[in-house]
Structures are given as C-alpha cells and as structure tokens.
Amino acid sequence: MDTTKLVIDILSDALVVPVSTDLPQDRPERLVHVSYSGGQQTPFLLMPRYDLMCWGTTPSEAQSIALSAVQALQDAALDHPYLSACQLETLSSEEWSRTGQGRYLAIVELVINTDE
C-alpha cells in the first residue's frame, strides 16, 4: 500500500491549499509538503510517521493550515477503509523568513490497516 499517496489524497480532498511531496522551486505562498519520516509495521498494520511542513502568508495562517491538515487526517480515520488513526506527535513553529511568512511543522503518526 502506498501510504504517501493515501495521505496526499486525503489532504488534497480536504484542504484548499496545494499538497505535494515535491518542493517546487517557485513554491506557492501556501503549501503542505508531505514527507515520510519513518514508522513501524506489523503483518496487518502500517504505522508510518509523516512530516507535514505547512507554509502560509503569516505564521498564524501556517499554523491554521497545519491544524487543518491534522484534523483532516483525524476526520478521515473515522470512516476511511484503511486509515484507522492519526495522532499528532508534535506541532512546532519553524523560522522561515524575514518577509513575515510562516511555516509550521506537524508530525503525525498514522495507523493503517492493510488487511483487505
């Protein structure tokens, strides 16, 4: 199962900002960058950890985007056929630039059922 695609699909459907595993050279002002950062697995469960780097035009907007991304994954876990849990491990502000733009990092751990 491609867990990264699952995360991208859920976030793309739920958010009004671009969601990508690529960091474009001409990065838009608002973006959620999804990056696999490890995890565990059993024969029937995947427990991947993802970093969600969220950019906004202000620190407040970046935080709001990050919280919305986490909420989208937690909401999807309520009725998704494979995603059964999403836990926020940490949410932190990242210094970005002197322009006033904001960047927040949300690290989430998912539980994905692979038993079809």
PDB file of N, CA and C in Angstrom:
ATOM      1  N   MET A   1       0.850  -1.180   0.000  1.00  0.00           N
ATOM      2  CA  MET A   1       0.000   0.000   0.000  1.00  0.00           C
ATOM      3  C   MET A   1       0.898   1.247   0.000  1.00  0.00           C
ATOM      4  N   ASP A   2       0.553   2.191  -0.835  1.00  0.00           N
ATOM      5  CA  ASP A   2       1.297   3.444  -0.916  1.00  0.00           C
ATOM      6  C   ASP A   2       0.702   4.427   0.102  1.00  0.00           C
ATOM      7  N   THR A   3       1.293   4.459   1.288  1.00  0.00           N
ATOM      8  CA  THR A   3       0.757   5.300   2.356  1.00  0.00           C
ATOM      9  C   THR A   3       0.919   6.788   2.043  1.00  0.00           C
ATOM     10  N   THR A   4       1.957   7.134   1.321  1.00  0.00           N
ATOM     11  CA  THR A   4       2.149   8.545   0.967  1.00  0.00           C
ATOM     12  C   THR A   4       1.025   9.017   0.054  1.00  0.00           C
ATOM     13  N   LYS A   5       0.669   8.189  -0.915  1.00  0.00           N
ATOM     14  CA  LYS A   5      -0.441   8.553  -1.814  1.00  0.00           C
ATOM     15  C   LYS A   5      -1.737   8.691  -1.013  1.00  0.00           C
ATOM     16  N   LEU A   6      -1.951   7.811  -0.057  1.00  0.00           N
ATOM     17  CA  LEU A   6      -3.145   7.886   0.771  1.00  0.00           C
ATOM     18  C   LEU A   6      -3.202   9.232   1.502  1.00  0.00           C
ATOM     19  N   VAL A   7      -2.092   9.648   2.097  1.00  0.00           N
ATOM     20  CA  VAL A   7      -2.040  10.933   2.817  1.00  0.00           C
ATOM     21  C   VAL A   7      -2.274  12.095   1.860  1.00  0.00           C
ATOM     22  N   ILE A   8      -1.611  12.065   0.716  1.00  0.00           N
ATOM     23  CA  ILE A   8      -1.768  13.132  -0.289  1.00  0.00           C
ATOM     24  C   ILE A   8      -3.228  13.224  -0.736  1.00  0.00           C
ATOM     25  N   ASP A   9      -3.845  12.084  -1.023  1.00  0.00           N
ATOM     26  CA  ASP A   9      -5.233  12.085  -1.491  1.00  0.00           C
ATOM     27  C   ASP A   9      -6.182  12.660  -0.438  1.00  0.00           C
ATOM     28  N   ILE A  10      -6.015  12.241   0.813  1.00  0.00           N
ATOM     29  CA  ILE A  10      -6.892  12.739   1.880  1.00  0.00           C
ATOM     30  C   ILE A  10      -6.718  14.243   2.052  1.00  0.00           C
ATOM     31  N   LEU A  11      -5.475  14.696   2.114  1.00  0.00           N
ATOM     32  CA  LEU A  11      -5.235  16.130   2.326  1.00  0.00           C
ATOM     33  C   LEU A  11      -5.659  16.963   1.123  1.00  0.00           C
ATOM     34  N   SER A  12      -5.428  16.463  -0.075  1.00  0.00           N
ATOM     35  CA  SER A  12      -5.820  17.206  -1.285  1.00  0.00           C
ATOM     36  C   SER A  12      -7.329  17.388  -1.364  1.00  0.00           C
ATOM     37  N   ASP A  13      -8.072  16.363  -0.935  1.00  0.00           N
ATOM     38  CA  ASP A  13      -9.536  16.457  -0.947  1.00  0.00           C
ATOM     39  C   ASP A  13     -10.063  17.399   0.129  1.00  0.00           C
ATOM     40  N   ALA A  14      -9.346  17.506   1.249  1.00  0.00           N
ATOM     41  CA  ALA A  14      -9.859  18.260   2.401  1.00  0.00           C
ATOM     42  C   ALA A  14      -9.392  19.710   2.462  1.00  0.00           C
ATOM     43  N   LEU A  15      -8.248  20.016   1.873  1.00  0.00           N
ATOM     44  CA  LEU A  15      -7.668  21.360   2.016  1.00  0.00           C
ATOM     45  C   LEU A  15      -7.797  22.167   0.741  1.00  0.00           C
ATOM     46  N   VAL A  16      -7.745  23.479   0.885  1.00  0.00           N
ATOM     47  CA  VAL A  16      -7.819  24.374  -0.275  1.00  0.00           C
ATOM     48  C   VAL A  16      -6.442  24.900  -0.665  1.00  0.00           C
ATOM     49  N   VAL A  17      -5.393  24.283  -0.118  1.00  0.00           N
ATOM     50  CA  VAL A  17      -4.022  24.658  -0.469  1.00  0.00           C
ATOM     51  C   VAL A  17      -3.382  23.479  -1.191  1.00  0.00           C
ATOM     52  N   PRO A  18      -2.369  23.734  -2.016  1.00  0.00           N
ATOM     53  CA  PRO A  18      -1.691  22.632  -2.694  1.00  0.00           C
ATOM     54  C   PRO A  18      -1.023  21.690  -1.682  1.00  0.00           C
ATOM     55  N   VAL A  19      -1.030  20.407  -2.019  1.00  0.00           N
ATOM     56  CA  VAL A  19      -0.402  19.370  -1.193  1.00  0.00           C
ATOM     57  C   VAL A  19       0.523  18.589  -2.110  1.00  0.00           C
ATOM     58  N   SER A  20       1.771  18.387  -1.676  1.00  0.00           N
ATOM     59  CA  SER A  20       2.739  17.758  -2.568  1.00  0.00           C
ATOM     60  C   SER A  20       3.859  17.080  -1.792  1.00  0.00           C
ATOM     61  N   THR A  21       4.480  16.090  -2.441  1.00  0.00           N
ATOM     62  CA  THR A  21       5.704  15.513  -1.895  1.00  0.00           C
ATOM     63  C   THR A  21       6.919  16.223  -2.476  1.00  0.00           C
ATOM     64  N   ASP A  22       6.696  17.028  -3.473  1.00  0.00           N
ATOM     65  CA  ASP A  22       7.772  17.806  -4.090  1.00  0.00           C
ATOM     66  C   ASP A  22       7.751  19.227  -3.546  1.00  0.00           C
ATOM     67  N   LEU A  23       8.902  19.822  -3.461  1.00  0.00           N
ATOM     68  CA  LEU A  23       9.003  21.214  -3.057  1.00  0.00           C
ATOM     69  C   LEU A  23       9.382  22.008  -4.299  1.00  0.00           C
ATOM     70  N   PRO A  24       8.395  22.641  -4.933  1.00  0.00           N
ATOM     71  CA  PRO A  24       8.665  23.346  -6.188  1.00  0.00           C
ATOM     72  C   PRO A  24       9.634  24.509  -5.989  1.00  0.00           C
ATOM     73  N   GLN A  25      10.428  24.740  -7.012  1.00  0.00           N
ATOM     74  CA  GLN A  25      11.369  25.849  -6.958  1.00  0.00           C
ATOM     75  C   GLN A  25      10.636  27.172  -6.752  1.00  0.00           C
ATOM     76  N   ASP A  26       9.506  27.327  -7.421  1.00  0.00           N
ATOM     77  CA  ASP A  26       8.657  28.503  -7.243  1.00  0.00           C
ATOM     78  C   ASP A  26       7.524  28.133  -6.280  1.00  0.00           C
ATOM     79  N   ARG A  27       7.879  27.919  -5.021  1.00  0.00           N
ATOM     80  CA  ARG A  27       6.919  27.472  -4.021  1.00  0.00           C
ATOM     81  C   ARG A  27       5.797  28.487  -3.879  1.00  0.00           C
ATOM     82  N   PRO A  28       4.539  27.998  -3.899  1.00  0.00           N
ATOM     83  CA  PRO A  28       3.423  28.920  -3.677  1.00  0.00           C
ATOM     84  C   PRO A  28       3.441  29.452  -2.237  1.00  0.00           C
ATOM     85  N   GLU A  29       2.717  30.535  -2.004  1.00  0.00           N
ATOM     86  CA  GLU A  29       2.681  31.129  -0.660  1.00  0.00           C
ATOM     87  C   GLU A  29       2.093  30.180   0.367  1.00  0.00           C
ATOM     88  N   ARG A  30       1.169  29.337  -0.072  1.00  0.00           N
ATOM     89  CA  ARG A  30       0.530  28.358   0.816  1.00  0.00           C
ATOM     90  C   ARG A  30       0.804  26.973   0.245  1.00  0.00           C
ATOM     91  N   LEU A  31       1.245  26.067   1.119  1.00  0.00           N
ATOM     92  CA  LEU A  31       1.603  24.733   0.656  1.00  0.00           C
ATOM     93  C   LEU A  31       1.686  23.789   1.847  1.00  0.00           C
ATOM     94  N   VAL A  32       1.304  22.527   1.613  1.00  0.00           N
ATOM     95  CA  VAL A  32       1.573  21.459   2.570  1.00  0.00           C
ATOM     96  C   VAL A  32       2.517  20.484   1.879  1.00  0.00           C
ATOM     97  N   HIS A  33       3.714  20.352   2.425  1.00  0.00           N
ATOM     98  CA  HIS A  33       4.711  19.419   1.900  1.00  0.00           C
ATOM     99  C   HIS A  33       4.680  18.174   2.775  1.00  0.00           C
ATOM    100  N   VAL A  34       4.419  17.018   2.151  1.00  0.00           N
ATOM    101  CA  VAL A  34       4.286  15.753   2.858  1.00  0.00           C
ATOM    102  C   VAL A  34       5.566  14.943   2.684  1.00  0.00           C
ATOM    103  N   SER A  35       6.128  14.492   3.813  1.00  0.00           N
ATOM    104  CA  SER A  35       7.373  13.740   3.766  1.00  0.00           C
ATOM    105  C   SER A  35       7.315  12.559   4.734  1.00  0.00           C
ATOM    106  N   TYR A  36       7.558  11.357   4.225  1.00  0.00           N
ATOM    107  CA  TYR A  36       7.609  10.159   5.060  1.00  0.00           C
ATOM    108  C   TYR A  36       8.858  10.228   5.923  1.00  0.00           C
ATOM    109  N   SER A  37       8.712  10.011   7.233  1.00  0.00           N
ATOM    110  CA  SER A  37       9.881  10.135   8.116  1.00  0.00           C
ATOM    111  C   SER A  37      10.125   8.903   8.987  1.00  0.00           C
ATOM    112  N   GLY A  38       9.505   7.790   8.644  1.00  0.00           N
ATOM    113  CA  GLY A  38       9.769   6.551   9.380  1.00  0.00           C
ATOM    114  C   GLY A  38       8.493   5.903   9.847  1.00  0.00           C
ATOM    115  N   GLY A  39       8.653   4.969  10.764  1.00  0.00           N
ATOM    116  CA  GLY A  39       7.499   4.298  11.313  1.00  0.00           C
ATOM    117  C   GLY A  39       7.758   2.831  11.556  1.00  0.00           C
ATOM    118  N   GLN A  40       6.690   2.118  11.854  1.00  0.00           N
ATOM    119  CA  GLN A  40       6.771   0.693  12.151  1.00  0.00           C
ATOM    120  C   GLN A  40       5.712  -0.037  11.348  1.00  0.00           C
ATOM    121  N   GLN A  41       5.822  -1.370  11.352  1.00  0.00           N
ATOM    122  CA  GLN A  41       4.786  -2.153  10.702  1.00  0.00           C
ATOM    123  C   GLN A  41       4.694  -3.538  11.321  1.00  0.00           C
ATOM    124  N   THR A  42       3.510  -4.118  11.209  1.00  0.00           N
ATOM    125  CA  THR A  42       3.251  -5.496  11.585  1.00  0.00           C
ATOM    126  C   THR A  42       2.682  -6.159  10.340  1.00  0.00           C
ATOM    127  N   PRO A  43       2.384  -7.442  10.386  1.00  0.00           N
ATOM    128  CA  PRO A  43       1.807  -8.063   9.182  1.00  0.00           C
ATOM    129  C   PRO A  43       0.486  -7.427   8.715  1.00  0.00           C
ATOM    130  N   PHE A  44      -0.268  -6.807   9.635  1.00  0.00           N
ATOM    131  CA  PHE A  44      -1.565  -6.261   9.252  1.00  0.00           C
ATOM    132  C   PHE A  44      -1.707  -4.761   9.450  1.00  0.00           C
ATOM    133  N   LEU A  45      -0.722  -4.137  10.078  1.00  0.00           N
ATOM    134  CA  LEU A  45      -0.790  -2.697  10.337  1.00  0.00           C
ATOM    135  C   LEU A  45       0.483  -2.001   9.879  1.00  0.00           C
ATOM    136  N   LEU A  46       0.288  -0.839   9.284  1.00  0.00           N
ATOM    137  CA  LEU A  46       1.401   0.067   9.000  1.00  0.00           C
ATOM    138  C   LEU A  46       1.240   1.243   9.948  1.00  0.00           C
ATOM    139  N   MET A  47       2.326   1.695  10.530  1.00  0.00           N
ATOM    140  CA  MET A  47       2.283   2.846  11.429  1.00  0.00           C
ATOM    141  C   MET A  47       3.323   3.874  10.980  1.00  0.00           C
ATOM    142  N   PRO A  48       3.072   4.469   9.805  1.00  0.00           N
ATOM    143  CA  PRO A  48       4.037   5.420   9.269  1.00  0.00           C
ATOM    144  C   PRO A  48       3.979   6.765   9.996  1.00  0.00           C
ATOM    145  N   ARG A  49       5.101   7.443   9.997  1.00  0.00           N
ATOM    146  CA  ARG A  49       5.193   8.796  10.549  1.00  0.00           C
ATOM    147  C   ARG A  49       5.440   9.740   9.366  1.00  0.00           C
ATOM    148  N   TYR A  50       4.679  10.832   9.364  1.00  0.00           N
ATOM    149  CA  TYR A  50       4.810  11.822   8.300  1.00  0.00           C
ATOM    150  C   TYR A  50       5.066  13.205   8.877  1.00  0.00           C
ATOM    151  N   ASP A  51       5.952  13.933   8.202  1.00  0.00           N
ATOM    152  CA  ASP A  51       6.164  15.353   8.495  1.00  0.00           C
ATOM    153  C   ASP A  51       5.305  16.142   7.516  1.00  0.00           C
ATOM    154  N   LEU A  52       4.488  17.020   8.050  1.00  0.00           N
ATOM    155  CA  LEU A  52       3.666  17.907   7.227  1.00  0.00           C
ATOM    156  C   LEU A  52       4.202  19.323   7.426  1.00  0.00           C
ATOM    157  N   MET A  53       4.997  19.797   6.476  1.00  0.00           N
ATOM    158  CA  MET A  53       5.537  21.156   6.549  1.00  0.00           C
ATOM    159  C   MET A  53       4.538  22.069   5.862  1.00  0.00           C
ATOM    160  N   CYS A  54       4.003  23.015   6.618  1.00  0.00           N
ATOM    161  CA  CYS A  54       2.912  23.855   6.137  1.00  0.00           C
ATOM    162  C   CYS A  54       3.342  25.312   6.066  1.00  0.00           C
ATOM    163  N   TRP A  55       3.229  25.889   4.883  1.00  0.00           N
ATOM    164  CA  TRP A  55       3.550  27.289   4.673  1.00  0.00           C
ATOM    165  C   TRP A  55       2.275  28.114   4.581  1.00  0.00           C
ATOM    166  N   GLY A  56       2.352  29.345   5.061  1.00  0.00           N
ATOM    167  CA  GLY A  56       1.267  30.304   4.931  1.00  0.00           C
ATOM    168  C   GLY A  56       1.840  31.692   4.758  1.00  0.00           C
ATOM    169  N   THR A  57       0.980  32.647   4.467  1.00  0.00           N
ATOM    170  CA  THR A  57       1.450  34.015   4.264  1.00  0.00           C
ATOM    171  C   THR A  57       1.862  34.668   5.579  1.00  0.00           C
ATOM    172  N   THR A  58       1.370  34.137   6.695  1.00  0.00           N
ATOM    173  CA  THR A  58       1.736  34.615   8.032  1.00  0.00           C
ATOM    174  C   THR A  58       1.939  33.389   8.926  1.00  0.00           C
ATOM    175  N   PRO A  59       2.615  33.547  10.047  1.00  0.00           N
ATOM    176  CA  PRO A  59       2.738  32.423  10.976  1.00  0.00           C
ATOM    177  C   PRO A  59       1.378  31.883  11.424  1.00  0.00           C
ATOM    178  N   SER A  60       0.434  32.765  11.652  1.00  0.00           N
ATOM    179  CA  SER A  60      -0.899  32.348  12.072  1.00  0.00           C
ATOM    180  C   SER A  60      -1.585  31.503  11.004  1.00  0.00           C
ATOM    181  N   GLU A  61      -1.466  31.910   9.764  1.00  0.00           N
ATOM    182  CA  GLU A  61      -2.078  31.144   8.679  1.00  0.00           C
ATOM    183  C   GLU A  61      -1.392  29.788   8.527  1.00  0.00           C
ATOM    184  N   ALA A  62      -0.076  29.743   8.647  1.00  0.00           N
ATOM    185  CA  ALA A  62       0.650  28.473   8.548  1.00  0.00           C
ATOM    186  C   ALA A  62       0.211  27.522   9.654  1.00  0.00           C
ATOM    187  N   GLN A  63       0.027  28.037  10.854  1.00  0.00           N
ATOM    188  CA  GLN A  63      -0.444  27.211  11.957  1.00  0.00           C
ATOM    189  C   GLN A  63      -1.853  26.678  11.666  1.00  0.00           C
ATOM    190  N   SER A  64      -2.705  27.532  11.137  1.00  0.00           N
ATOM    191  CA  SER A  64      -4.068  27.130  10.799  1.00  0.00           C
ATOM    192  C   SER A  64      -4.075  26.030   9.736  1.00  0.00           C
ATOM    193  N   ILE A  65      -3.222  26.151   8.738  1.00  0.00           N
ATOM    194  CA  ILE A  65      -3.119  25.131   7.690  1.00  0.00           C
ATOM    195  C   ILE A  65      -2.642  23.810   8.298  1.00  0.00           C
ATOM    196  N   ALA A  66      -1.656  23.873   9.175  1.00  0.00           N
ATOM    197  CA  ALA A  66      -1.141  22.663   9.818  1.00  0.00           C
ATOM    198  C   ALA A  66      -2.221  21.986  10.649  1.00  0.00           C
ATOM    199  N   LEU A  67      -2.945  22.761  11.430  1.00  0.00           N
ATOM    200  CA  LEU A  67      -4.012  22.189  12.253  1.00  0.00           C
ATOM    201  C   LEU A  67      -5.131  21.619  11.392  1.00  0.00           C
ATOM    202  N   SER A  68      -5.434  22.269  10.285  1.00  0.00           N
ATOM    203  CA  SER A  68      -6.459  21.760   9.365  1.00  0.00           C
ATOM    204  C   SER A  68      -6.011  20.444   8.717  1.00  0.00           C
ATOM    205  N   ALA A  69      -4.732  20.335   8.400  1.00  0.00           N
ATOM    206  CA  ALA A  69      -4.210  19.108   7.810  1.00  0.00           C
ATOM    207  C   ALA A  69      -4.319  17.946   8.800  1.00  0.00           C
ATOM    208  N   VAL A  70      -3.936  18.194  10.037  1.00  0.00           N
ATOM    209  CA  VAL A  70      -4.040  17.150  11.071  1.00  0.00           C
ATOM    210  C   VAL A  70      -5.500  16.764  11.273  1.00  0.00           C
ATOM    211  N   GLN A  71      -6.374  17.758  11.356  1.00  0.00           N
ATOM    212  CA  GLN A  71      -7.802  17.480  11.552  1.00  0.00           C
ATOM    213  C   GLN A  71      -8.377  16.677  10.388  1.00  0.00           C
ATOM    214  N   ALA A  72      -7.932  16.968   9.182  1.00  0.00           N
ATOM    215  CA  ALA A  72      -8.417  16.228   8.008  1.00  0.00           C
ATOM    216  C   ALA A  72      -8.044  14.750   8.110  1.00  0.00           C
ATOM    217  N   LEU A  73      -6.833  14.466   8.550  1.00  0.00           N
ATOM    218  CA  LEU A  73      -6.415  13.076   8.703  1.00  0.00           C
ATOM    219  C   LEU A  73      -7.163  12.400   9.847  1.00  0.00           C
ATOM    220  N   GLN A  74      -7.363  13.122  10.946  1.00  0.00           N
ATOM    221  CA  GLN A  74      -8.111  12.553  12.072  1.00  0.00           C
ATOM    222  C   GLN A  74      -9.566  12.304  11.693  1.00  0.00           C
ATOM    223  N   ASP A  75     -10.170  13.208  10.943  1.00  0.00           N
ATOM    224  CA  ASP A  75     -11.543  13.015  10.484  1.00  0.00           C
ATOM    225  C   ASP A  75     -11.644  11.822   9.531  1.00  0.00           C
ATOM    226  N   ALA A  76     -10.667  11.703   8.633  1.00  0.00           N
ATOM    227  CA  ALA A  76     -10.681  10.590   7.677  1.00  0.00           C
ATOM    228  C   ALA A  76     -10.572   9.247   8.396  1.00  0.00           C
ATOM    229  N   ALA A  77      -9.865   9.217   9.509  1.00  0.00           N
ATOM    230  CA  ALA A  77      -9.694   7.965  10.260  1.00  0.00           C
ATOM    231  C   ALA A  77     -11.017   7.440  10.814  1.00  0.00           C
ATOM    232  N   LEU A  78     -12.023   8.288  10.903  1.00  0.00           N
ATOM    233  CA  LEU A  78     -13.315   7.857  11.436  1.00  0.00           C
ATOM    234  C   LEU A  78     -14.087   6.957  10.480  1.00  0.00           C
ATOM    235  N   ASP A  79     -13.850   7.115   9.163  1.00  0.00           N
ATOM    236  CA  ASP A  79     -14.622   6.308   8.218  1.00  0.00           C
ATOM    237  C   ASP A  79     -13.845   5.802   7.006  1.00  0.00           C
ATOM    238  N   HIS A  80     -12.554   5.995   6.985  1.00  0.00           N
ATOM    239  CA  HIS A  80     -11.738   5.522   5.865  1.00  0.00           C
ATOM    240  C   HIS A  80     -11.570   4.003   5.951  1.00  0.00           C
ATOM    241  N   PRO A  81     -11.604   3.301   4.832  1.00  0.00           N
ATOM    242  CA  PRO A  81     -11.486   1.848   4.896  1.00  0.00           C
ATOM    243  C   PRO A  81     -10.126   1.339   5.388  1.00  0.00           C
ATOM    244  N   TYR A  82      -9.067   2.131   5.270  1.00  0.00           N
ATOM    245  CA  TYR A  82      -7.738   1.678   5.693  1.00  0.00           C
ATOM    246  C   TYR A  82      -7.152   2.504   6.830  1.00  0.00           C
ATOM    247  N   LEU A  83      -7.337   3.805   6.801  1.00  0.00           N
ATOM    248  CA  LEU A  83      -6.776   4.670   7.849  1.00  0.00           C
ATOM    249  C   LEU A  83      -7.648   4.545   9.094  1.00  0.00           C
ATOM    250  N   SER A  84      -7.049   4.094  10.197  1.00  0.00           N
ATOM    251  CA  SER A  84      -7.857   3.913  11.406  1.00  0.00           C
ATOM    252  C   SER A  84      -7.463   4.840  12.544  1.00  0.00           C
ATOM    253  N   ALA A  85      -6.347   5.558  12.425  1.00  0.00           N
ATOM    254  CA  ALA A  85      -5.981   6.514  13.478  1.00  0.00           C
ATOM    255  C   ALA A  85      -4.941   7.499  12.952  1.00  0.00           C
ATOM    256  N   CYS A  86      -4.975   8.684  13.522  1.00  0.00           N
ATOM    257  CA  CYS A  86      -3.974   9.716  13.253  1.00  0.00           C
ATOM    258  C   CYS A  86      -3.706  10.430  14.567  1.00  0.00           C
ATOM    259  N   GLN A  87      -2.460  10.375  14.991  1.00  0.00           N
ATOM    260  CA  GLN A  87      -2.072  11.040  16.237  1.00  0.00           C
ATOM    261  C   GLN A  87      -1.049  12.128  15.929  1.00  0.00           C
ATOM    262  N   LEU A  88      -1.313  13.315  16.436  1.00  0.00           N
ATOM    263  CA  LEU A  88      -0.357  14.413  16.310  1.00  0.00           C
ATOM    264  C   LEU A  88       0.743  14.202  17.336  1.00  0.00           C
ATOM    265  N   GLU A  89       1.976  14.053  16.868  1.00  0.00           N
ATOM    266  CA  GLU A  89       3.104  13.889  17.789  1.00  0.00           C
ATOM    267  C   GLU A  89       3.631  15.236  18.251  1.00  0.00           C
ATOM    268  N   THR A  90       3.740  16.163  17.311  1.00  0.00           N
ATOM    269  CA  THR A  90       4.234  17.487  17.680  1.00  0.00           C
ATOM    270  C   THR A  90       3.807  18.511  16.628  1.00  0.00           C
ATOM    271  N   LEU A  91       3.657  19.732  17.077  1.00  0.00           N
ATOM    272  CA  LEU A  91       3.367  20.864  16.200  1.00  0.00           C
ATOM    273  C   LEU A  91       4.317  21.971  16.609  1.00  0.00           C
ATOM    274  N   SER A  92       5.117  22.436  15.664  1.00  0.00           N
ATOM    275  CA  SER A  92       6.106  23.451  16.019  1.00  0.00           C
ATOM    276  C   SER A  92       6.218  24.515  14.941  1.00  0.00           C
ATOM    277  N   SER A  93       6.506  25.706  15.397  1.00  0.00           N
ATOM    278  CA  SER A  93       6.737  26.829  14.503  1.00  0.00           C
ATOM    279  C   SER A  93       8.167  26.739  13.978  1.00  0.00           C
ATOM    280  N   GLU A  94       8.312  26.981  12.696  1.00  0.00           N
ATOM    281  CA  GLU A  94       9.622  26.950  12.069  1.00  0.00           C
ATOM    282  C   GLU A  94       9.950  28.355  11.575  1.00  0.00           C
ATOM    283  N   GLU A  95      11.095  28.869  11.953  1.00  0.00           N
ATOM    284  CA  GLU A  95      11.532  30.171  11.459  1.00  0.00           C
ATOM    285  C   GLU A  95      11.668  30.075   9.945  1.00  0.00           C
ATOM    286  N   TRP A  96      11.054  30.983   9.217  1.00  0.00           N
ATOM    287  CA  TRP A  96      11.094  30.859   7.769  1.00  0.00           C
ATOM    288  C   TRP A  96      11.825  32.011   7.099  1.00  0.00           C
ATOM    289  N   SER A  97      11.342  33.196   7.234  1.00  0.00           N
ATOM    290  CA  SER A  97      11.982  34.300   6.514  1.00  0.00           C
ATOM    291  C   SER A  97      11.684  35.621   7.200  1.00  0.00           C
ATOM    292  N   ARG A  98      12.361  36.618   6.747  1.00  0.00           N
ATOM    293  CA  ARG A  98      12.130  37.966   7.277  1.00  0.00           C
ATOM    294  C   ARG A  98      10.928  38.643   6.627  1.00  0.00           C
ATOM    295  N   THR A  99      10.291  37.960   5.688  1.00  0.00           N
ATOM    296  CA  THR A  99       9.163  38.556   4.973  1.00  0.00           C
ATOM    297  C   THR A  99       7.870  38.456   5.759  1.00  0.00           C
ATOM    298  N   GLY A 100       7.895  37.740   6.881  1.00  0.00           N
ATOM    299  CA  GLY A 100       6.677  37.586   7.660  1.00  0.00           C
ATOM    300  C   GLY A 100       5.909  36.326   7.327  1.00  0.00           C
ATOM    301  N   GLN A 101       6.364  35.573   6.315  1.00  0.00           N
ATOM    302  CA  GLN A 101       5.712  34.311   6.005  1.00  0.00           C
ATOM    303  C   GLN A 101       5.869  33.362   7.187  1.00  0.00           C
ATOM    304  N   GLY A 102       4.986  32.389   7.265  1.00  0.00           N
ATOM    305  CA  GLY A 102       5.053  31.430   8.352  1.00  0.00           C
ATOM    306  C   GLY A 102       5.231  30.020   7.850  1.00  0.00           C
ATOM    307  N   ARG A 103       5.789  29.201   8.739  1.00  0.00           N
ATOM    308  CA  ARG A 103       5.966  27.783   8.422  1.00  0.00           C
ATOM    309  C   ARG A 103       5.793  26.996   9.715  1.00  0.00           C
ATOM    310  N   TYR A 104       4.927  26.006   9.670  1.00  0.00           N
ATOM    311  CA  TYR A 104       4.686  25.130  10.823  1.00  0.00           C
ATOM    312  C   TYR A 104       4.930  23.690  10.406  1.00  0.00           C
ATOM    313  N   LEU A 105       5.505  22.922  11.316  1.00  0.00           N
ATOM    314  CA  LEU A 105       5.730  21.507  11.101  1.00  0.00           C
ATOM    315  C   LEU A 105       4.809  20.713  12.019  1.00  0.00           C
ATOM    316  N   ALA A 106       4.002  19.851  11.417  1.00  0.00           N
ATOM    317  CA  ALA A 106       3.170  18.916  12.174  1.00  0.00           C
ATOM    318  C   ALA A 106       3.707  17.513  11.884  1.00  0.00           C
ATOM    319  N   ILE A 107       4.038  16.785  12.932  1.00  0.00           N
ATOM    320  CA  ILE A 107       4.479  15.400  12.769  1.00  0.00           C
ATOM    321  C   ILE A 107       3.341  14.510  13.250  1.00  0.00           C
ATOM    322  N   VAL A 108       2.896  13.636  12.364  1.00  0.00           N
ATOM    323  CA  VAL A 108       1.770  12.759  12.686  1.00  0.00           C
ATOM    324  C   VAL A 108       2.180  11.301  12.538  1.00  0.00           C
ATOM    325  N   GLU A 109       1.566  10.470  13.366  1.00  0.00           N
ATOM    326  CA  GLU A 109       1.730   9.028  13.234  1.00  0.00           C
ATOM    327  C   GLU A 109       0.371   8.439  12.888  1.00  0.00           C
ATOM    328  N   LEU A 110       0.351   7.632  11.842  1.00  0.00           N
ATOM    329  CA  LEU A 110      -0.890   7.050  11.357  1.00  0.00           C
ATOM    330  C   LEU A 110      -0.933   5.560  11.682  1.00  0.00           C
ATOM    331  N   VAL A 111      -2.125   5.016  11.755  1.00  0.00           N
ATOM    332  CA  VAL A 111      -2.317   3.577  11.836  1.00  0.00           C
ATOM    333  C   VAL A 111      -3.154   3.202  10.618  1.00  0.00           C
ATOM    334  N   ILE A 112      -2.578   2.330   9.777  1.00  0.00           N
ATOM    335  CA  ILE A 112      -3.229   1.941   8.543  1.00  0.00           C
ATOM    336  C   ILE A 112      -3.382   0.431   8.535  1.00  0.00           C
ATOM    337  N   ASN A 113      -4.615  -0.004   8.338  1.00  0.00           N
ATOM    338  CA  ASN A 113      -4.926  -1.424   8.284  1.00  0.00           C
ATOM    339  C   ASN A 113      -4.675  -1.910   6.863  1.00  0.00           C
ATOM    340  N   THR A 114      -3.830  -2.913   6.717  1.00  0.00           N
ATOM    341  CA  THR A 114      -3.518  -3.423   5.377  1.00  0.00           C
ATOM    342  C   THR A 114      -4.313  -4.673   5.043  1.00  0.00           C
ATOM    343  N   ASP A 115      -5.098  -5.169   5.966  1.00  0.00           N
ATOM    344  CA  ASP A 115      -5.900  -6.373   5.739  1.00  0.00           C
ATOM    345  C   ASP A 115      -7.081  -6.028   4.847  1.00  0.00           C
ATOM    346  N   GLU A 116      -7.077  -6.565   3.640  1.00  0.00           N
ATOM    347  CA  GLU A 116      -8.164  -6.297   2.708  1.00  0.00           C
ATOM    348  C   GLU A 116      -9.204  -7.363   2.862  1.00  0.00           C
TER     349      GLU A 116
END
